[in-house]
Amino acid sequence: MKPISKERLAHLRKQYPAGARVQLLWMDDVQAPPTGTKGTVWGVDDTGSIMVQWDNGSSLNVVYGIDSCKVIDENSRKESQQ
């Protein structure tokens, strides 16, 4: 996999700040939480993976370029997808 650019990494960190709520759309892992699982972001690492504490207790990262999640605003239905 090609390294992530500094600009893209900065954008991901702005889009997925610590404390943001997300919903899992796809994860390529046999131990992945079910699609639709919600969780709380606790950061974006230097490879662009979104670090999430899932509501079901899992803490698998959303791997940049492979997995997919979207930011959810549980108060207003406004959503943004990666």
PDB file of N, CA and C in Angstrom:
ATOM      1  N   MET A   1       0.839  -1.178   0.000  1.00  0.00           N
ATOM      2  CA  MET A   1       0.000   0.000   0.000  1.00  0.00           C
ATOM      3  C   MET A   1       0.889   1.248   0.000  1.00  0.00           C
ATOM      4  N   LYS A   2       0.489   2.223  -0.770  1.00  0.00           N
ATOM      5  CA  LYS A   2       1.206   3.489  -0.879  1.00  0.00           C
ATOM      6  C   LYS A   2       1.030   4.301   0.408  1.00  0.00           C
ATOM      7  N   PRO A   3       2.119   4.936   0.885  1.00  0.00           N
ATOM      8  CA  PRO A   3       1.995   5.761   2.102  1.00  0.00           C
ATOM      9  C   PRO A   3       0.999   6.908   1.899  1.00  0.00           C
ATOM     10  N   ILE A   4       0.378   7.301   2.991  1.00  0.00           N
ATOM     11  CA  ILE A   4      -0.592   8.398   2.955  1.00  0.00           C
ATOM     12  C   ILE A   4       0.151   9.733   2.952  1.00  0.00           C
ATOM     13  N   SER A   5      -0.365  10.696   2.209  1.00  0.00           N
ATOM     14  CA  SER A   5       0.258  12.020   2.171  1.00  0.00           C
ATOM     15  C   SER A   5      -0.028  12.773   3.478  1.00  0.00           C
ATOM     16  N   LYS A   6       0.837  13.728   3.778  1.00  0.00           N
ATOM     17  CA  LYS A   6       0.640  14.543   4.977  1.00  0.00           C
ATOM     18  C   LYS A   6      -0.667  15.318   4.900  1.00  0.00           C
ATOM     19  N   GLU A   7      -1.005  15.772   3.694  1.00  0.00           N
ATOM     20  CA  GLU A   7      -2.240  16.538   3.503  1.00  0.00           C
ATOM     21  C   GLU A   7      -3.468  15.664   3.767  1.00  0.00           C
ATOM     22  N   ARG A   8      -3.455  14.453   3.215  1.00  0.00           N
ATOM     23  CA  ARG A   8      -4.599  13.537   3.406  1.00  0.00           C
ATOM     24  C   ARG A   8      -4.716  13.150   4.879  1.00  0.00           C
ATOM     25  N   LEU A   9      -3.583  12.910   5.533  1.00  0.00           N
ATOM     26  CA  LEU A   9      -3.589  12.560   6.947  1.00  0.00           C
ATOM     27  C   LEU A   9      -4.184  13.693   7.781  1.00  0.00           C
ATOM     28  N   ALA A  10      -3.797  14.921   7.480  1.00  0.00           N
ATOM     29  CA  ALA A  10      -4.343  16.080   8.195  1.00  0.00           C
ATOM     30  C   ALA A  10      -5.850  16.179   7.974  1.00  0.00           C
ATOM     31  N   HIS A  11      -6.303  15.906   6.737  1.00  0.00           N
ATOM     32  CA  HIS A  11      -7.735  15.946   6.428  1.00  0.00           C
ATOM     33  C   HIS A  11      -8.490  14.879   7.227  1.00  0.00           C
ATOM     34  N   LEU A  12      -7.949  13.661   7.276  1.00  0.00           N
ATOM     35  CA  LEU A  12      -8.610  12.591   8.042  1.00  0.00           C
ATOM     36  C   LEU A  12      -8.696  12.952   9.522  1.00  0.00           C
ATOM     37  N   ARG A  13      -7.644  13.524  10.054  1.00  0.00           N
ATOM     38  CA  ARG A  13      -7.645  13.895  11.478  1.00  0.00           C
ATOM     39  C   ARG A  13      -8.663  14.988  11.772  1.00  0.00           C
ATOM     40  N   LYS A  14      -8.893  15.859  10.801  1.00  0.00           N
ATOM     41  CA  LYS A  14      -9.920  16.896  10.970  1.00  0.00           C
ATOM     42  C   LYS A  14     -11.321  16.291  10.837  1.00  0.00           C
ATOM     43  N   GLN A  15     -11.479  15.364   9.890  1.00  0.00           N
ATOM     44  CA  GLN A  15     -12.783  14.743   9.636  1.00  0.00           C
ATOM     45  C   GLN A  15     -13.186  13.761  10.737  1.00  0.00           C
ATOM     46  N   TYR A  16     -12.193  13.114  11.364  1.00  0.00           N
ATOM     47  CA  TYR A  16     -12.454  12.109  12.403  1.00  0.00           C
ATOM     48  C   TYR A  16     -11.734  12.487  13.697  1.00  0.00           C
ATOM     49  N   PRO A  17     -12.157  13.577  14.352  1.00  0.00           N
ATOM     50  CA  PRO A  17     -11.497  13.990  15.599  1.00  0.00           C
ATOM     51  C   PRO A  17     -11.843  13.042  16.748  1.00  0.00           C
ATOM     52  N   ALA A  18     -11.001  13.028  17.756  1.00  0.00           N
ATOM     53  CA  ALA A  18     -11.285  12.236  18.953  1.00  0.00           C
ATOM     54  C   ALA A  18     -12.650  12.634  19.500  1.00  0.00           C
ATOM     55  N   GLY A  19     -13.442  11.639  19.818  1.00  0.00           N
ATOM     56  CA  GLY A  19     -14.784  11.867  20.351  1.00  0.00           C
ATOM     57  C   GLY A  19     -15.884  11.783  19.309  1.00  0.00           C
ATOM     58  N   ALA A  20     -15.523  11.821  18.018  1.00  0.00           N
ATOM     59  CA  ALA A  20     -16.534  11.712  16.958  1.00  0.00           C
ATOM     60  C   ALA A  20     -17.183  10.331  16.998  1.00  0.00           C
ATOM     61  N   ARG A  21     -18.457  10.302  16.699  1.00  0.00           N
ATOM     62  CA  ARG A  21     -19.179   9.032  16.626  1.00  0.00           C
ATOM     63  C   ARG A  21     -19.179   8.561  15.170  1.00  0.00           C
ATOM     64  N   VAL A  22     -18.924   7.268  14.977  1.00  0.00           N
ATOM     65  CA  VAL A  22     -18.878   6.685  13.641  1.00  0.00           C
ATOM     66  C   VAL A  22     -19.717   5.413  13.590  1.00  0.00           C
ATOM     67  N   GLN A  23     -20.047   5.029  12.359  1.00  0.00           N
ATOM     68  CA  GLN A  23     -20.766   3.780  12.118  1.00  0.00           C
ATOM     69  C   GLN A  23     -19.968   2.987  11.093  1.00  0.00           C
ATOM     70  N   LEU A  24     -19.766   1.707  11.351  1.00  0.00           N
ATOM     71  CA  LEU A  24     -18.995   0.846  10.469  1.00  0.00           C
ATOM     72  C   LEU A  24     -19.796   0.484   9.222  1.00  0.00           C
ATOM     73  N   LEU A  25     -19.166   0.695   8.060  1.00  0.00           N
ATOM     74  CA  LEU A  25     -19.785   0.320   6.787  1.00  0.00           C
ATOM     75  C   LEU A  25     -19.192  -0.974   6.254  1.00  0.00           C
ATOM     76  N   TRP A  26     -17.871  -1.162   6.425  1.00  0.00           N
ATOM     77  CA  TRP A  26     -17.201  -2.351   5.912  1.00  0.00           C
ATOM     78  C   TRP A  26     -15.868  -2.514   6.618  1.00  0.00           C
ATOM     79  N   MET A  27     -15.553  -3.742   7.024  1.00  0.00           N
ATOM     80  CA  MET A  27     -14.241  -4.034   7.582  1.00  0.00           C
ATOM     81  C   MET A  27     -13.816  -5.410   7.099  1.00  0.00           C
ATOM     82  N   ASP A  28     -12.632  -5.483   6.513  1.00  0.00           N
ATOM     83  CA  ASP A  28     -12.096  -6.720   5.962  1.00  0.00           C
ATOM     84  C   ASP A  28     -11.292  -7.454   7.027  1.00  0.00           C
ATOM     85  N   ASP A  29     -11.991  -8.062   7.983  1.00  0.00           N
ATOM     86  CA  ASP A  29     -11.345  -8.772   9.083  1.00  0.00           C
ATOM     87  C   ASP A  29     -12.336  -9.801   9.619  1.00  0.00           C
ATOM     88  N   VAL A  30     -11.872 -11.015   9.856  1.00  0.00           N
ATOM     89  CA  VAL A  30     -12.775 -12.064  10.347  1.00  0.00           C
ATOM     90  C   VAL A  30     -13.326 -11.746  11.737  1.00  0.00           C
ATOM     91  N   GLN A  31     -12.624 -10.911  12.479  1.00  0.00           N
ATOM     92  CA  GLN A  31     -13.082 -10.538  13.819  1.00  0.00           C
ATOM     93  C   GLN A  31     -13.747  -9.160  13.843  1.00  0.00           C
ATOM     94  N   ALA A  32     -14.110  -8.653  12.673  1.00  0.00           N
ATOM     95  CA  ALA A  32     -14.717  -7.323  12.570  1.00  0.00           C
ATOM     96  C   ALA A  32     -16.059  -7.265  13.291  1.00  0.00           C
ATOM     97  N   PRO A  33     -16.362  -6.106  13.871  1.00  0.00           N
ATOM     98  CA  PRO A  33     -17.709  -5.909  14.411  1.00  0.00           C
ATOM     99  C   PRO A  33     -18.706  -5.978  13.253  1.00  0.00           C
ATOM    100  N   PRO A  34     -19.949  -6.280  13.534  1.00  0.00           N
ATOM    101  CA  PRO A  34     -20.955  -6.327  12.467  1.00  0.00           C
ATOM    102  C   PRO A  34     -21.117  -4.972  11.779  1.00  0.00           C
ATOM    103  N   THR A  35     -21.381  -5.002  10.487  1.00  0.00           N
ATOM    104  CA  THR A  35     -21.682  -3.784   9.749  1.00  0.00           C
ATOM    105  C   THR A  35     -22.801  -3.045  10.471  1.00  0.00           C
ATOM    106  N   GLY A  36     -22.664  -1.733  10.592  1.00  0.00           N
ATOM    107  CA  GLY A  36     -23.660  -0.923  11.293  1.00  0.00           C
ATOM    108  C   GLY A  36     -23.305  -0.639  12.736  1.00  0.00           C
ATOM    109  N   THR A  37     -22.286  -1.341  13.272  1.00  0.00           N
ATOM    110  CA  THR A  37     -21.863  -1.098  14.646  1.00  0.00           C
ATOM    111  C   THR A  37     -21.385   0.347  14.787  1.00  0.00           C
ATOM    112  N   LYS A  38     -21.736   0.967  15.890  1.00  0.00           N
ATOM    113  CA  LYS A  38     -21.316   2.342  16.163  1.00  0.00           C
ATOM    114  C   LYS A  38     -20.180   2.344  17.174  1.00  0.00           C
ATOM    115  N   GLY A  39     -19.399   3.428  17.128  1.00  0.00           N
ATOM    116  CA  GLY A  39     -18.291   3.549  18.053  1.00  0.00           C
ATOM    117  C   GLY A  39     -17.825   4.983  18.164  1.00  0.00           C
ATOM    118  N   THR A  40     -16.804   5.182  19.014  1.00  0.00           N
ATOM    119  CA  THR A  40     -16.248   6.502  19.274  1.00  0.00           C
ATOM    120  C   THR A  40     -14.787   6.535  18.851  1.00  0.00           C
ATOM    121  N   VAL A  41     -14.452   7.519  18.027  1.00  0.00           N
ATOM    122  CA  VAL A  41     -13.072   7.689  17.555  1.00  0.00           C
ATOM    123  C   VAL A  41     -12.210   8.164  18.711  1.00  0.00           C
ATOM    124  N   TRP A  42     -11.003   7.587  18.821  1.00  0.00           N
ATOM    125  CA  TRP A  42     -10.062   8.114  19.804  1.00  0.00           C
ATOM    126  C   TRP A  42      -8.790   8.608  19.134  1.00  0.00           C
ATOM    127  N   GLY A  43      -8.755   8.565  17.783  1.00  0.00           N
ATOM    128  CA  GLY A  43      -7.628   9.149  17.068  1.00  0.00           C
ATOM    129  C   GLY A  43      -7.473   8.586  15.670  1.00  0.00           C
ATOM    130  N   VAL A  44      -6.539   9.177  14.915  1.00  0.00           N
ATOM    131  CA  VAL A  44      -6.137   8.684  13.599  1.00  0.00           C
ATOM    132  C   VAL A  44      -4.626   8.504  13.675  1.00  0.00           C
ATOM    133  N   ASP A  45      -4.146   7.282  13.388  1.00  0.00           N
ATOM    134  CA  ASP A  45      -2.707   7.043  13.509  1.00  0.00           C
ATOM    135  C   ASP A  45      -1.944   7.557  12.288  1.00  0.00           C
ATOM    136  N   ASP A  46      -0.624   7.401  12.295  1.00  0.00           N
ATOM    137  CA  ASP A  46       0.224   7.947  11.233  1.00  0.00           C
ATOM    138  C   ASP A  46       0.055   7.252   9.888  1.00  0.00           C
ATOM    139  N   THR A  47      -0.634   6.105   9.854  1.00  0.00           N
ATOM    140  CA  THR A  47      -0.900   5.419   8.589  1.00  0.00           C
ATOM    141  C   THR A  47      -2.274   5.781   8.035  1.00  0.00           C
ATOM    142  N   GLY A  48      -3.029   6.602   8.780  1.00  0.00           N
ATOM    143  CA  GLY A  48      -4.366   7.005   8.350  1.00  0.00           C
ATOM    144  C   GLY A  48      -5.478   6.112   8.859  1.00  0.00           C
ATOM    145  N   SER A  49      -5.134   5.101   9.641  1.00  0.00           N
ATOM    146  CA  SER A  49      -6.173   4.235  10.207  1.00  0.00           C
ATOM    147  C   SER A  49      -6.913   4.972  11.316  1.00  0.00           C
ATOM    148  N   ILE A  50      -8.229   4.822  11.323  1.00  0.00           N
ATOM    149  CA  ILE A  50      -9.066   5.474  12.327  1.00  0.00           C
ATOM    150  C   ILE A  50      -9.184   4.531  13.515  1.00  0.00           C
ATOM    151  N   MET A  51      -8.763   4.999  14.669  1.00  0.00           N
ATOM    152  CA  MET A  51      -8.790   4.192  15.884  1.00  0.00           C
ATOM    153  C   MET A  51     -10.126   4.410  16.583  1.00  0.00           C
ATOM    154  N   VAL A  52     -10.868   3.311  16.761  1.00  0.00           N
ATOM    155  CA  VAL A  52     -12.240   3.398  17.263  1.00  0.00           C
ATOM    156  C   VAL A  52     -12.439   2.443  18.429  1.00  0.00           C
ATOM    157  N   GLN A  53     -13.135   2.919  19.437  1.00  0.00           N
ATOM    158  CA  GLN A  53     -13.632   2.040  20.501  1.00  0.00           C
ATOM    159  C   GLN A  53     -15.078   1.745  20.145  1.00  0.00           C
ATOM    160  N   TRP A  54     -15.326   0.535  19.642  1.00  0.00           N
ATOM    161  CA  TRP A  54     -16.672   0.160  19.198  1.00  0.00           C
ATOM    162  C   TRP A  54     -17.572  -0.096  20.392  1.00  0.00           C
ATOM    163  N   ASP A  55     -18.854   0.200  20.229  1.00  0.00           N
ATOM    164  CA  ASP A  55     -19.829   0.044  21.312  1.00  0.00           C
ATOM    165  C   ASP A  55     -19.970  -1.402  21.783  1.00  0.00           C
ATOM    166  N   ASN A  56     -19.566  -2.362  20.938  1.00  0.00           N
ATOM    167  CA  ASN A  56     -19.665  -3.774  21.329  1.00  0.00           C
ATOM    168  C   ASN A  56     -18.419  -4.257  22.068  1.00  0.00           C
ATOM    169  N   GLY A  57     -17.467  -3.333  22.352  1.00  0.00           N
ATOM    170  CA  GLY A  57     -16.265  -3.682  23.107  1.00  0.00           C
ATOM    171  C   GLY A  57     -15.032  -3.904  22.249  1.00  0.00           C
ATOM    172  N   SER A  58     -15.180  -4.046  20.951  1.00  0.00           N
ATOM    173  CA  SER A  58     -14.053  -4.227  20.049  1.00  0.00           C
ATOM    174  C   SER A  58     -13.276  -2.914  19.921  1.00  0.00           C
ATOM    175  N   SER A  59     -12.003  -3.029  19.543  1.00  0.00           N
ATOM    176  CA  SER A  59     -11.205  -1.826  19.315  1.00  0.00           C
ATOM    177  C   SER A  59     -10.391  -1.938  18.027  1.00  0.00           C
ATOM    178  N   LEU A  60     -10.890  -2.699  17.061  1.00  0.00           N
ATOM    179  CA  LEU A  60     -10.193  -2.824  15.785  1.00  0.00           C
ATOM    180  C   LEU A  60     -10.224  -1.501  15.034  1.00  0.00           C
ATOM    181  N   ASN A  61      -9.089  -1.145  14.420  1.00  0.00           N
ATOM    182  CA  ASN A  61      -8.993   0.098  13.651  1.00  0.00           C
ATOM    183  C   ASN A  61      -9.689  -0.038  12.304  1.00  0.00           C
ATOM    184  N   VAL A  62     -10.173   1.079  11.790  1.00  0.00           N
ATOM    185  CA  VAL A  62     -10.689   1.167  10.425  1.00  0.00           C
ATOM    186  C   VAL A  62      -9.472   1.483   9.562  1.00  0.00           C
ATOM    187  N   VAL A  63      -8.986   0.489   8.812  1.00  0.00           N
ATOM    188  CA  VAL A  63      -7.733   0.609   8.071  1.00  0.00           C
ATOM    189  C   VAL A  63      -7.919   1.484   6.832  1.00  0.00           C
ATOM    190  N   TYR A  64      -7.064   2.495   6.710  1.00  0.00           N
ATOM    191  CA  TYR A  64      -7.123   3.442   5.596  1.00  0.00           C
ATOM    192  C   TYR A  64      -6.996   2.698   4.258  1.00  0.00           C
ATOM    193  N   GLY A  65      -7.917   2.993   3.341  1.00  0.00           N
ATOM    194  CA  GLY A  65      -7.868   2.421   2.006  1.00  0.00           C
ATOM    195  C   GLY A  65      -8.463   1.036   1.880  1.00  0.00           C
ATOM    196  N   ILE A  66      -8.864   0.436   3.003  1.00  0.00           N
ATOM    197  CA  ILE A  66      -9.423  -0.925   2.972  1.00  0.00           C
ATOM    198  C   ILE A  66     -10.807  -0.952   3.595  1.00  0.00           C
ATOM    199  N   ASP A  67     -10.905  -0.500   4.830  1.00  0.00           N
ATOM    200  CA  ASP A  67     -12.162  -0.521   5.567  1.00  0.00           C
ATOM    201  C   ASP A  67     -12.897   0.809   5.376  1.00  0.00           C
ATOM    202  N   SER A  68     -14.137   0.858   5.848  1.00  0.00           N
ATOM    203  CA  SER A  68     -14.928   2.072   5.656  1.00  0.00           C
ATOM    204  C   SER A  68     -15.871   2.312   6.828  1.00  0.00           C
ATOM    205  N   CYS A  69     -15.951   3.585   7.218  1.00  0.00           N
ATOM    206  CA  CYS A  69     -16.909   3.999   8.237  1.00  0.00           C
ATOM    207  C   CYS A  69     -17.407   5.380   7.862  1.00  0.00           C
ATOM    208  N   LYS A  70     -18.433   5.833   8.567  1.00  0.00           N
ATOM    209  CA  LYS A  70     -18.935   7.190   8.346  1.00  0.00           C
ATOM    210  C   LYS A  70     -19.157   7.857   9.683  1.00  0.00           C
ATOM    211  N   VAL A  71     -18.952   9.159   9.690  1.00  0.00           N
ATOM    212  CA  VAL A  71     -19.227   9.961  10.878  1.00  0.00           C
ATOM    213  C   VAL A  71     -20.736  10.095  10.996  1.00  0.00           C
ATOM    214  N   ILE A  72     -21.230   9.941  12.200  1.00  0.00           N
ATOM    215  CA  ILE A  72     -22.661  10.112  12.431  1.00  0.00           C
ATOM    216  C   ILE A  72     -22.859  11.170  13.506  1.00  0.00           C
ATOM    217  N   ASP A  73     -23.914  11.918  13.359  1.00  0.00           N
ATOM    218  CA  ASP A  73     -24.316  12.884  14.364  1.00  0.00           C
ATOM    219  C   ASP A  73     -25.617  12.344  14.927  1.00  0.00           C
ATOM    220  N   GLU A  74     -25.524  11.698  16.048  1.00  0.00           N
ATOM    221  CA  GLU A  74     -26.694  11.032  16.607  1.00  0.00           C
ATOM    222  C   GLU A  74     -27.767  12.008  17.065  1.00  0.00           C
ATOM    223  N   ASN A  75     -27.448  13.291  17.063  1.00  0.00           N
ATOM    224  CA  ASN A  75     -28.433  14.283  17.468  1.00  0.00           C
ATOM    225  C   ASN A  75     -29.230  14.844  16.306  1.00  0.00           C
ATOM    226  N   SER A  76     -28.664  14.762  15.057  1.00  0.00           N
ATOM    227  CA  SER A  76     -29.364  15.445  13.968  1.00  0.00           C
ATOM    228  C   SER A  76     -29.428  14.683  12.640  1.00  0.00           C
ATOM    229  N   ARG A  77     -28.970  13.493  12.548  1.00  0.00           N
ATOM    230  CA  ARG A  77     -29.002  12.706  11.307  1.00  0.00           C
ATOM    231  C   ARG A  77     -28.034  13.175  10.232  1.00  0.00           C
ATOM    232  N   LYS A  78     -27.241  14.220  10.467  1.00  0.00           N
ATOM    233  CA  LYS A  78     -26.263  14.668   9.488  1.00  0.00           C
ATOM    234  C   LYS A  78     -25.107  13.687   9.511  1.00  0.00           C
ATOM    235  N   GLU A  79     -24.698  13.195   8.326  1.00  0.00           N
ATOM    236  CA  GLU A  79     -23.668  12.166   8.258  1.00  0.00           C
ATOM    237  C   GLU A  79     -22.634  12.497   7.184  1.00  0.00           C
ATOM    238  N   SER A  80     -21.403  12.027   7.389  1.00  0.00           N
ATOM    239  CA  SER A  80     -20.307  12.202   6.435  1.00  0.00           C
ATOM    240  C   SER A  80     -19.591  10.870   6.291  1.00  0.00           C
ATOM    241  N   GLN A  81     -19.357  10.439   5.064  1.00  0.00           N
ATOM    242  CA  GLN A  81     -18.802   9.120   4.813  1.00  0.00           C
ATOM    243  C   GLN A  81     -17.364   9.188   4.340  1.00  0.00           C
ATOM    244  N   GLN A  82     -16.528   8.216   4.807  1.00  0.00           N
ATOM    245  CA  GLN A  82     -15.145   8.073   4.310  1.00  0.00           C
ATOM    246  C   GLN A  82     -15.170   7.169   3.115  1.00  0.00           C
TER     247      GLN A  82
END
